[in-house]
Amino acid sequence: MENELLNKRDIFAYFLVAATGALIQLIIGTLAQDWFSISYRQSLTGGYLVASVAGFFLAKIFAFNSKNKSKNHREKIKFFFVTVLSFCITVYGSDALYRLTLIVVGEWKFTIPFSVKLVDINKLFSQLTCMALSFMSNYILHKRFTFKDTGFYGRLKSLLAQ
């Protein structure tokens, strides 16, 4: 019997969804930093928030085949909890790793050939590394918690009613 957590179809579908979110996050974060006078952490936050909204619907429909509208509210609440953890990994982890890379290896920048776009390798490496860590934790948590009926929502509802 194949391990349900490591279902190849689900992992591949989630990878495509996560790659879409990562692309959204990278584009928005990069443009925000280029266009506005904001910090690296602020650009990560903006990109992450937009990618999270898109990610919920994409993960629900394509990655975990959860089209049941009656569970939509509880899935949004559970998705929010997973998103907060993922936000911390992606935003604060990237910022911390970026600062560490500046200390350990110094500043690395690269100009894209035939353009004026300067790419900060430290920031890109830090963000991609933490996005990969976030991907792994998100996959497991969404598979085992967000889009699965765990009884969490019922327990939370009864706890709040007291």
N, C-alpha and C. Protein backbone atom coordinates (compact mmCIF):
# COMPACT_ATOMS: atom_id res chain seq x y z
N MET A 1 0.84 -1.18 0.00
CA MET A 1 0.00 0.00 0.00
C MET A 1 0.89 1.25 0.00
N GLU A 2 0.59 2.15 -0.93
CA GLU A 2 1.40 3.37 -1.08
C GLU A 2 1.14 4.33 0.08
N ASN A 3 2.19 4.96 0.53
CA ASN A 3 2.09 5.93 1.61
C ASN A 3 1.24 7.12 1.15
N GLU A 4 0.15 7.40 1.85
CA GLU A 4 -0.77 8.46 1.46
C GLU A 4 -0.10 9.84 1.52
N LEU A 5 0.79 10.06 2.46
CA LEU A 5 1.47 11.35 2.58
C LEU A 5 2.38 11.60 1.39
N LEU A 6 3.03 10.56 0.91
CA LEU A 6 3.99 10.71 -0.19
C LEU A 6 3.39 10.31 -1.53
N ASN A 7 2.12 10.56 -1.72
CA ASN A 7 1.43 10.29 -2.97
C ASN A 7 2.06 11.17 -4.06
N LYS A 8 2.63 10.54 -5.08
CA LYS A 8 3.37 11.27 -6.11
C LYS A 8 2.49 12.27 -6.86
N ARG A 9 1.25 11.92 -7.11
CA ARG A 9 0.35 12.81 -7.83
C ARG A 9 0.09 14.07 -7.01
N ASP A 10 -0.17 13.90 -5.72
CA ASP A 10 -0.41 15.05 -4.84
C ASP A 10 0.83 15.94 -4.71
N ILE A 11 2.00 15.30 -4.57
CA ILE A 11 3.23 16.07 -4.44
C ILE A 11 3.49 16.87 -5.71
N PHE A 12 3.30 16.25 -6.88
CA PHE A 12 3.52 16.94 -8.14
C PHE A 12 2.53 18.09 -8.30
N ALA A 13 1.25 17.83 -8.03
CA ALA A 13 0.24 18.89 -8.14
C ALA A 13 0.53 20.02 -7.16
N TYR A 14 0.91 19.67 -5.94
CA TYR A 14 1.22 20.71 -4.95
C TYR A 14 2.47 21.48 -5.36
N PHE A 15 3.45 20.79 -5.94
CA PHE A 15 4.65 21.48 -6.42
C PHE A 15 4.29 22.52 -7.48
N LEU A 16 3.41 22.17 -8.40
CA LEU A 16 2.99 23.13 -9.44
C LEU A 16 2.27 24.33 -8.82
N VAL A 17 1.39 24.05 -7.86
CA VAL A 17 0.69 25.12 -7.15
C VAL A 17 1.68 26.00 -6.39
N ALA A 18 2.60 25.36 -5.66
CA ALA A 18 3.59 26.11 -4.88
C ALA A 18 4.52 26.90 -5.79
N ALA A 19 4.86 26.34 -6.94
CA ALA A 19 5.72 27.06 -7.89
C ALA A 19 5.01 28.30 -8.40
N THR A 20 3.72 28.20 -8.63
CA THR A 20 2.93 29.37 -9.05
C THR A 20 2.96 30.42 -7.95
N GLY A 21 2.75 30.00 -6.71
CA GLY A 21 2.80 30.93 -5.58
C GLY A 21 4.18 31.55 -5.41
N ALA A 22 5.21 30.73 -5.58
CA ALA A 22 6.58 31.24 -5.45
C ALA A 22 6.87 32.27 -6.54
N LEU A 23 6.41 32.00 -7.73
CA LEU A 23 6.60 32.96 -8.82
C LEU A 23 5.88 34.27 -8.55
N ILE A 24 4.64 34.18 -8.08
CA ILE A 24 3.88 35.38 -7.70
C ILE A 24 4.63 36.15 -6.62
N GLN A 25 5.10 35.43 -5.61
CA GLN A 25 5.80 36.05 -4.49
C GLN A 25 7.09 36.73 -4.96
N LEU A 26 7.85 36.06 -5.79
CA LEU A 26 9.11 36.64 -6.29
C LEU A 26 8.86 37.89 -7.14
N ILE A 27 7.88 37.81 -8.02
CA ILE A 27 7.59 38.95 -8.91
C ILE A 27 7.10 40.15 -8.11
N ILE A 28 6.12 39.92 -7.23
CA ILE A 28 5.58 41.04 -6.45
C ILE A 28 6.63 41.61 -5.51
N GLY A 29 7.38 40.73 -4.84
CA GLY A 29 8.42 41.21 -3.94
C GLY A 29 9.49 42.00 -4.65
N THR A 30 9.91 41.53 -5.81
CA THR A 30 10.95 42.22 -6.58
C THR A 30 10.45 43.56 -7.09
N LEU A 31 9.25 43.56 -7.66
CA LEU A 31 8.69 44.82 -8.18
C LEU A 31 8.46 45.82 -7.05
N ALA A 32 7.97 45.33 -5.93
CA ALA A 32 7.70 46.23 -4.80
C ALA A 32 8.99 46.88 -4.31
N GLN A 33 10.06 46.10 -4.25
CA GLN A 33 11.33 46.66 -3.81
C GLN A 33 11.92 47.63 -4.83
N ASP A 34 11.70 47.34 -6.11
CA ASP A 34 12.19 48.23 -7.16
C ASP A 34 11.39 49.53 -7.25
N TRP A 35 10.08 49.43 -7.09
CA TRP A 35 9.20 50.58 -7.32
C TRP A 35 9.00 51.45 -6.10
N PHE A 36 9.06 50.86 -4.92
CA PHE A 36 8.76 51.59 -3.70
C PHE A 36 9.97 51.56 -2.76
N SER A 37 9.98 52.46 -1.87
CA SER A 37 11.08 52.53 -0.91
C SER A 37 10.72 51.68 0.31
N ILE A 38 10.81 50.36 0.13
CA ILE A 38 10.46 49.44 1.22
C ILE A 38 11.63 48.50 1.48
N SER A 39 11.61 47.90 2.67
CA SER A 39 12.69 46.99 3.06
C SER A 39 12.49 45.61 2.43
N TYR A 40 13.52 44.81 2.54
CA TYR A 40 13.48 43.43 2.06
C TYR A 40 12.34 42.66 2.74
N ARG A 41 12.24 42.79 4.05
CA ARG A 41 11.20 42.08 4.81
C ARG A 41 9.80 42.54 4.38
N GLN A 42 9.62 43.83 4.14
CA GLN A 42 8.32 44.34 3.70
C GLN A 42 7.96 43.82 2.31
N SER A 43 8.95 43.72 1.44
CA SER A 43 8.67 43.19 0.10
C SER A 43 8.32 41.70 0.17
N LEU A 44 8.99 40.96 1.06
CA LEU A 44 8.65 39.55 1.26
C LEU A 44 7.22 39.41 1.78
N THR A 45 6.85 40.28 2.70
CA THR A 45 5.51 40.23 3.29
C THR A 45 4.44 40.48 2.24
N GLY A 46 4.61 41.52 1.45
CA GLY A 46 3.63 41.83 0.40
C GLY A 46 3.48 40.70 -0.59
N GLY A 47 4.58 40.19 -1.07
CA GLY A 47 4.54 39.09 -2.01
C GLY A 47 3.91 37.85 -1.41
N TYR A 48 4.23 37.57 -0.15
CA TYR A 48 3.70 36.39 0.51
C TYR A 48 2.18 36.48 0.68
N LEU A 49 1.69 37.65 1.07
CA LEU A 49 0.25 37.80 1.29
C LEU A 49 -0.55 37.59 0.01
N VAL A 50 -0.10 38.15 -1.09
CA VAL A 50 -0.80 37.96 -2.37
C VAL A 50 -0.71 36.50 -2.80
N ALA A 51 0.46 35.89 -2.68
CA ALA A 51 0.63 34.50 -3.08
C ALA A 51 -0.20 33.55 -2.21
N SER A 52 -0.42 33.90 -0.94
CA SER A 52 -1.21 33.05 -0.04
C SER A 52 -2.66 32.97 -0.47
N VAL A 53 -3.22 34.08 -0.87
CA VAL A 53 -4.62 34.10 -1.32
C VAL A 53 -4.77 33.21 -2.56
N ALA A 54 -3.89 33.41 -3.51
CA ALA A 54 -3.94 32.57 -4.72
C ALA A 54 -3.67 31.11 -4.36
N GLY A 55 -2.74 30.88 -3.45
CA GLY A 55 -2.36 29.53 -3.06
C GLY A 55 -3.49 28.74 -2.43
N PHE A 56 -4.34 29.40 -1.64
CA PHE A 56 -5.45 28.70 -1.00
C PHE A 56 -6.34 28.05 -2.05
N PHE A 57 -6.77 28.84 -3.01
CA PHE A 57 -7.70 28.33 -4.01
C PHE A 57 -7.04 27.31 -4.94
N LEU A 58 -5.82 27.56 -5.31
CA LEU A 58 -5.11 26.61 -6.17
C LEU A 58 -4.86 25.28 -5.46
N ALA A 59 -4.43 25.34 -4.19
CA ALA A 59 -4.17 24.11 -3.43
C ALA A 59 -5.47 23.35 -3.19
N LYS A 60 -6.51 24.05 -2.86
CA LYS A 60 -7.80 23.42 -2.58
C LYS A 60 -8.33 22.68 -3.81
N ILE A 61 -8.26 23.33 -4.94
CA ILE A 61 -8.86 22.75 -6.15
C ILE A 61 -7.95 21.73 -6.82
N PHE A 62 -6.68 22.09 -7.01
CA PHE A 62 -5.81 21.25 -7.83
C PHE A 62 -4.95 20.28 -7.05
N ALA A 63 -4.40 20.69 -5.94
CA ALA A 63 -3.43 19.83 -5.26
C ALA A 63 -4.09 18.78 -4.39
N PHE A 64 -5.13 19.16 -3.67
CA PHE A 64 -5.72 18.21 -2.73
C PHE A 64 -7.15 17.82 -3.09
N ASN A 65 -7.61 18.24 -4.27
CA ASN A 65 -8.91 17.84 -4.80
C ASN A 65 -10.01 17.98 -3.76
N SER A 66 -10.04 19.13 -3.10
CA SER A 66 -11.01 19.39 -2.05
C SER A 66 -11.99 20.44 -2.53
N LYS A 67 -13.03 19.99 -3.24
CA LYS A 67 -13.99 20.93 -3.83
C LYS A 67 -15.27 21.02 -3.02
N ASN A 68 -15.31 20.41 -1.86
CA ASN A 68 -16.50 20.42 -1.01
C ASN A 68 -16.70 21.82 -0.42
N LYS A 69 -17.76 22.50 -0.86
CA LYS A 69 -18.02 23.86 -0.42
C LYS A 69 -18.46 23.93 1.05
N SER A 70 -19.01 22.85 1.59
CA SER A 70 -19.46 22.87 2.98
C SER A 70 -18.28 22.96 3.96
N LYS A 71 -17.11 22.55 3.54
CA LYS A 71 -15.92 22.60 4.40
C LYS A 71 -15.09 23.85 4.15
N ASN A 72 -15.53 24.71 3.25
CA ASN A 72 -14.73 25.85 2.83
C ASN A 72 -14.35 26.76 3.99
N HIS A 73 -15.27 27.05 4.89
CA HIS A 73 -15.00 27.95 6.02
C HIS A 73 -13.94 27.36 6.95
N ARG A 74 -14.09 26.10 7.30
CA ARG A 74 -13.12 25.48 8.20
C ARG A 74 -11.76 25.33 7.54
N GLU A 75 -11.76 25.07 6.24
CA GLU A 75 -10.48 24.97 5.53
C GLU A 75 -9.77 26.32 5.50
N LYS A 76 -10.53 27.39 5.38
CA LYS A 76 -9.92 28.73 5.39
C LYS A 76 -9.27 29.01 6.75
N ILE A 77 -9.94 28.62 7.82
CA ILE A 77 -9.39 28.83 9.17
C ILE A 77 -8.12 28.01 9.36
N LYS A 78 -8.15 26.74 8.98
CA LYS A 78 -6.97 25.89 9.12
C LYS A 78 -5.86 26.36 8.19
N PHE A 79 -6.23 26.80 6.99
CA PHE A 79 -5.23 27.33 6.05
C PHE A 79 -4.54 28.54 6.65
N PHE A 80 -5.31 29.38 7.36
CA PHE A 80 -4.75 30.57 8.00
C PHE A 80 -3.66 30.18 9.01
N PHE A 81 -3.92 29.16 9.83
CA PHE A 81 -2.93 28.72 10.83
C PHE A 81 -1.64 28.23 10.15
N VAL A 82 -1.80 27.44 9.09
CA VAL A 82 -0.63 26.95 8.36
C VAL A 82 0.09 28.12 7.69
N THR A 83 -0.67 29.07 7.19
CA THR A 83 -0.09 30.24 6.52
C THR A 83 0.73 31.09 7.48
N VAL A 84 0.29 31.21 8.72
CA VAL A 84 1.05 31.98 9.71
C VAL A 84 2.41 31.33 9.95
N LEU A 85 2.43 30.02 10.09
CA LEU A 85 3.70 29.30 10.27
C LEU A 85 4.58 29.48 9.03
N SER A 86 3.99 29.30 7.88
CA SER A 86 4.72 29.44 6.63
C SER A 86 5.24 30.87 6.44
N PHE A 87 4.44 31.84 6.84
CA PHE A 87 4.85 33.24 6.78
C PHE A 87 6.11 33.46 7.61
N CYS A 88 6.12 32.91 8.81
CA CYS A 88 7.30 33.06 9.68
C CYS A 88 8.53 32.42 9.06
N ILE A 89 8.35 31.23 8.49
CA ILE A 89 9.48 30.55 7.85
C ILE A 89 9.98 31.37 6.67
N THR A 90 9.06 31.80 5.82
CA THR A 90 9.44 32.49 4.59
C THR A 90 9.97 33.89 4.85
N VAL A 91 9.23 34.69 5.59
CA VAL A 91 9.61 36.10 5.75
C VAL A 91 10.73 36.27 6.77
N TYR A 92 10.50 35.81 7.99
CA TYR A 92 11.51 36.00 9.03
C TYR A 92 12.73 35.09 8.81
N GLY A 93 12.48 33.88 8.31
CA GLY A 93 13.59 32.99 8.00
C GLY A 93 14.46 33.55 6.89
N SER A 94 13.83 34.07 5.83
CA SER A 94 14.58 34.66 4.72
C SER A 94 15.39 35.86 5.18
N ASP A 95 14.77 36.69 6.00
CA ASP A 95 15.46 37.88 6.50
C ASP A 95 16.67 37.49 7.36
N ALA A 96 16.47 36.51 8.24
CA ALA A 96 17.57 36.06 9.10
C ALA A 96 18.69 35.40 8.28
N LEU A 97 18.30 34.56 7.32
CA LEU A 97 19.30 33.90 6.49
C LEU A 97 20.04 34.92 5.62
N TYR A 98 19.33 35.92 5.13
CA TYR A 98 19.96 37.00 4.35
C TYR A 98 21.03 37.70 5.17
N ARG A 99 20.68 38.06 6.40
CA ARG A 99 21.66 38.73 7.27
C ARG A 99 22.85 37.82 7.56
N LEU A 100 22.58 36.54 7.74
CA LEU A 100 23.67 35.58 7.99
C LEU A 100 24.59 35.46 6.78
N THR A 101 24.01 35.40 5.58
CA THR A 101 24.85 35.29 4.38
C THR A 101 25.72 36.52 4.20
N LEU A 102 25.21 37.69 4.58
CA LEU A 102 26.02 38.91 4.48
C LEU A 102 27.24 38.81 5.40
N ILE A 103 27.06 38.23 6.57
CA ILE A 103 28.17 38.08 7.53
C ILE A 103 29.14 37.00 7.07
N VAL A 104 28.61 35.86 6.62
CA VAL A 104 29.45 34.70 6.30
C VAL A 104 30.17 34.85 4.95
N VAL A 105 29.45 35.22 3.90
CA VAL A 105 30.06 35.24 2.56
C VAL A 105 30.16 36.65 1.97
N GLY A 106 29.59 37.63 2.63
CA GLY A 106 29.61 38.99 2.09
C GLY A 106 28.50 39.21 1.08
N GLU A 107 28.49 40.39 0.53
CA GLU A 107 27.43 40.77 -0.40
C GLU A 107 27.74 40.27 -1.81
N TRP A 108 26.76 39.59 -2.41
CA TRP A 108 26.91 39.08 -3.78
C TRP A 108 25.78 39.66 -4.63
N LYS A 109 26.15 40.32 -5.71
CA LYS A 109 25.15 40.88 -6.63
C LYS A 109 25.55 40.51 -8.05
N PHE A 110 24.55 40.44 -8.91
CA PHE A 110 24.76 40.01 -10.28
C PHE A 110 23.86 40.85 -11.18
N THR A 111 24.43 41.39 -12.25
CA THR A 111 23.63 42.13 -13.23
C THR A 111 23.24 41.18 -14.35
N ILE A 112 21.94 41.12 -14.63
CA ILE A 112 21.45 40.26 -15.70
C ILE A 112 22.02 40.77 -17.03
N PRO A 113 22.61 39.87 -17.81
CA PRO A 113 23.21 40.31 -19.07
C PRO A 113 22.20 41.04 -19.98
N PHE A 114 22.67 42.06 -20.63
CA PHE A 114 21.89 42.88 -21.56
C PHE A 114 20.75 43.61 -20.87
N SER A 115 20.88 43.87 -19.56
CA SER A 115 19.85 44.64 -18.84
C SER A 115 20.53 45.49 -17.78
N VAL A 116 19.72 46.22 -17.07
CA VAL A 116 20.23 47.03 -15.96
C VAL A 116 19.78 46.45 -14.62
N LYS A 117 19.10 45.31 -14.67
CA LYS A 117 18.56 44.70 -13.45
C LYS A 117 19.66 44.05 -12.64
N LEU A 118 19.82 44.54 -11.42
CA LEU A 118 20.80 44.01 -10.48
C LEU A 118 20.10 43.02 -9.56
N VAL A 119 20.59 41.78 -9.53
CA VAL A 119 20.00 40.73 -8.70
C VAL A 119 20.88 40.57 -7.46
N ASP A 120 20.26 40.65 -6.30
CA ASP A 120 20.96 40.43 -5.05
C ASP A 120 20.93 38.93 -4.77
N ILE A 121 22.05 38.28 -4.98
CA ILE A 121 22.14 36.82 -4.83
C ILE A 121 21.87 36.39 -3.40
N ASN A 122 22.32 37.16 -2.42
CA ASN A 122 22.07 36.84 -1.01
C ASN A 122 20.57 36.77 -0.73
N LYS A 123 19.84 37.78 -1.21
CA LYS A 123 18.40 37.81 -0.98
C LYS A 123 17.69 36.69 -1.73
N LEU A 124 18.08 36.48 -2.99
CA LEU A 124 17.46 35.43 -3.79
C LEU A 124 17.71 34.06 -3.18
N PHE A 125 18.94 33.77 -2.80
CA PHE A 125 19.28 32.49 -2.16
C PHE A 125 18.48 32.30 -0.86
N SER A 126 18.43 33.34 -0.05
CA SER A 126 17.73 33.26 1.24
C SER A 126 16.25 33.00 1.03
N GLN A 127 15.65 33.73 0.10
CA GLN A 127 14.22 33.56 -0.14
C GLN A 127 13.92 32.19 -0.72
N LEU A 128 14.68 31.73 -1.69
CA LEU A 128 14.42 30.42 -2.29
C LEU A 128 14.64 29.28 -1.29
N THR A 129 15.64 29.41 -0.44
CA THR A 129 15.89 28.38 0.58
C THR A 129 14.72 28.29 1.55
N CYS A 130 14.26 29.43 2.04
CA CYS A 130 13.16 29.42 3.01
C CYS A 130 11.83 29.06 2.35
N MET A 131 11.68 29.39 1.08
CA MET A 131 10.48 28.96 0.35
C MET A 131 10.46 27.43 0.23
N ALA A 132 11.61 26.82 0.03
CA ALA A 132 11.69 25.36 -0.06
C ALA A 132 11.33 24.73 1.29
N LEU A 133 11.84 25.30 2.38
CA LEU A 133 11.47 24.80 3.71
C LEU A 133 9.98 24.97 3.96
N SER A 134 9.46 26.10 3.56
CA SER A 134 8.03 26.37 3.72
C SER A 134 7.20 25.40 2.88
N PHE A 135 7.67 25.11 1.68
CA PHE A 135 6.98 24.16 0.79
C PHE A 135 6.81 22.82 1.48
N MET A 136 7.90 22.33 2.08
CA MET A 136 7.84 21.02 2.73
C MET A 136 6.87 21.02 3.91
N SER A 137 6.96 22.04 4.76
CA SER A 137 6.05 22.08 5.91
C SER A 137 4.60 22.29 5.46
N ASN A 138 4.40 23.13 4.46
CA ASN A 138 3.04 23.38 3.96
C ASN A 138 2.42 22.12 3.38
N TYR A 139 3.18 21.39 2.59
CA TYR A 139 2.64 20.18 1.98
C TYR A 139 2.13 19.22 3.06
N ILE A 140 2.97 18.96 4.03
CA ILE A 140 2.60 18.02 5.09
C ILE A 140 1.40 18.54 5.88
N LEU A 141 1.44 19.81 6.27
CA LEU A 141 0.34 20.36 7.08
C LEU A 141 -0.97 20.47 6.29
N HIS A 142 -0.90 20.87 5.03
CA HIS A 142 -2.13 20.93 4.23
C HIS A 142 -2.70 19.53 3.98
N LYS A 143 -1.84 18.59 3.74
CA LYS A 143 -2.28 17.22 3.47
C LYS A 143 -2.90 16.59 4.72
N ARG A 144 -2.28 16.81 5.88
CA ARG A 144 -2.71 16.16 7.11
C ARG A 144 -3.63 17.00 7.99
N PHE A 145 -3.76 18.30 7.68
CA PHE A 145 -4.51 19.18 8.58
C PHE A 145 -5.53 20.05 7.83
N THR A 146 -5.09 20.86 6.92
CA THR A 146 -5.97 21.84 6.29
C THR A 146 -7.10 21.21 5.51
N PHE A 147 -6.78 20.33 4.58
CA PHE A 147 -7.79 19.78 3.68
C PHE A 147 -8.21 18.37 4.07
N LYS A 148 -8.06 18.07 5.33
CA LYS A 148 -8.51 16.78 5.86
C LYS A 148 -9.38 17.06 7.08
N ASP A 149 -10.44 16.31 7.23
CA ASP A 149 -11.32 16.52 8.37
C ASP A 149 -10.66 15.90 9.60
N THR A 150 -10.10 16.76 10.45
CA THR A 150 -9.36 16.29 11.63
C THR A 150 -10.16 16.43 12.92
N GLY A 151 -11.29 17.12 12.85
CA GLY A 151 -12.07 17.40 14.04
C GLY A 151 -11.62 18.68 14.72
N PHE A 152 -10.58 19.31 14.20
CA PHE A 152 -10.04 20.53 14.80
C PHE A 152 -11.07 21.65 14.82
N TYR A 153 -11.75 21.84 13.70
CA TYR A 153 -12.71 22.94 13.60
C TYR A 153 -13.84 22.78 14.62
N GLY A 154 -14.35 21.57 14.78
CA GLY A 154 -15.40 21.32 15.76
C GLY A 154 -14.94 21.60 17.18
N ARG A 155 -13.72 21.17 17.51
CA ARG A 155 -13.16 21.44 18.84
C ARG A 155 -12.95 22.93 19.08
N LEU A 156 -12.47 23.63 18.07
CA LEU A 156 -12.25 25.08 18.18
C LEU A 156 -13.58 25.79 18.37
N LYS A 157 -14.59 25.39 17.61
CA LYS A 157 -15.90 26.01 17.71
C LYS A 157 -16.51 25.81 19.10
N SER A 158 -16.39 24.62 19.64
CA SER A 158 -16.95 24.35 20.96
C SER A 158 -16.15 25.09 22.04
N LEU A 159 -14.85 25.22 21.86
CA LEU A 159 -14.02 25.96 22.80
C LEU A 159 -14.39 27.44 22.81
N LEU A 160 -14.64 28.01 21.65
CA LEU A 160 -15.01 29.42 21.56
C LEU A 160 -16.43 29.69 22.07
N ALA A 161 -17.29 28.68 22.04
CA ALA A 161 -18.67 28.84 22.48
C ALA A 161 -18.77 28.87 24.01
N GLN A 162 -17.74 28.42 24.70
CA GLN A 162 -17.80 28.36 26.17
C GLN A 162 -17.56 29.70 26.78
